């Protein structure tokens, strides 16, 4: 899936979220928007976890 590869997001996560939002075929712009949204969430989670882990003396995680 183009959007998954471009934004480094698991295509399964995109498909699951599309189903939750009742997105149907032919709405390609919505798929890309969703991939961007998931990538931002992934980046925010990674940054927040690494900052928290650093405060505890850990090394963080690789997502």
Protein backbone atom coordinates (compact mmCIF):
# COMPACT_ATOMS: atom_id res chain seq x y z
CA UNK A 1 0.00 0.00 0.00
CA UNK A 2 1.50 3.30 -1.14
CA UNK A 3 0.42 5.38 1.88
CA UNK A 4 1.74 2.82 4.37
CA UNK A 5 5.13 2.70 2.71
CA UNK A 6 5.42 6.44 2.20
CA UNK A 7 4.55 7.32 5.81
CA UNK A 8 6.12 4.24 7.46
CA UNK A 9 2.85 2.98 8.93
CA UNK A 10 1.64 -0.62 9.06
CA UNK A 11 -0.90 -1.16 6.27
CA UNK A 12 -3.00 -3.31 8.61
CA UNK A 13 -3.40 -0.37 10.97
CA UNK A 14 -4.59 1.76 8.06
CA UNK A 15 -7.10 -0.84 6.91
CA UNK A 16 -8.47 -1.38 10.41
CA UNK A 17 -8.91 2.34 10.99
CA UNK A 18 -10.52 2.79 7.56
CA UNK A 19 -13.06 0.14 8.52
CA UNK A 20 -13.78 1.86 11.83
CA UNK A 21 -14.43 5.12 9.97
CA UNK A 22 -16.60 3.47 7.28
CA UNK A 23 -14.33 4.69 4.48
CA UNK A 24 -15.17 3.03 1.16
CA UNK A 25 -13.05 2.46 -1.94
CA UNK A 26 -12.32 5.41 -4.15
CA UNK A 27 -11.55 7.78 -1.30
CA UNK A 28 -7.80 7.76 -1.84
CA UNK A 29 -7.31 11.19 -0.29
CA UNK A 30 -8.84 9.90 2.94
CA UNK A 31 -6.41 6.96 2.96
CA UNK A 32 -3.43 9.29 2.67
CA UNK A 33 -4.84 11.65 5.32
CA UNK A 34 -5.31 8.71 7.66
CA UNK A 35 -1.76 7.46 7.03
CA UNK A 36 -0.41 10.91 7.89
CA UNK A 37 -2.51 10.98 11.07
CA UNK A 38 -1.27 7.53 12.14
CA UNK A 39 2.35 8.52 11.41
CA UNK A 40 1.98 11.61 13.63
CA UNK A 41 0.52 9.48 16.43
CA UNK A 42 3.36 6.99 16.07
CA UNK A 43 5.97 9.76 16.17
CA UNK A 44 4.35 11.45 19.18
CA UNK A 45 4.16 8.16 21.07
CA UNK A 46 7.77 7.33 20.30
CA UNK A 47 9.03 10.77 21.36
CA UNK A 48 6.94 10.84 24.56
CA UNK A 49 7.99 7.33 25.56
CA UNK A 50 11.67 7.99 24.95
CA UNK A 51 11.53 11.21 26.98
CA UNK A 52 9.76 9.41 29.83
CA UNK A 53 12.13 6.45 29.65
CA UNK A 54 15.14 8.78 29.68
CA UNK A 55 13.87 10.32 32.92
CA UNK A 56 13.73 6.84 34.44
CA UNK A 57 17.23 6.01 33.20
CA UNK A 58 16.07 3.66 30.43
CA UNK A 59 17.03 3.57 26.79
CA UNK A 60 13.56 3.99 25.29
CA UNK A 61 12.07 1.71 22.67
CA UNK A 62 12.37 1.34 18.95
CA UNK A 63 9.03 1.66 17.17
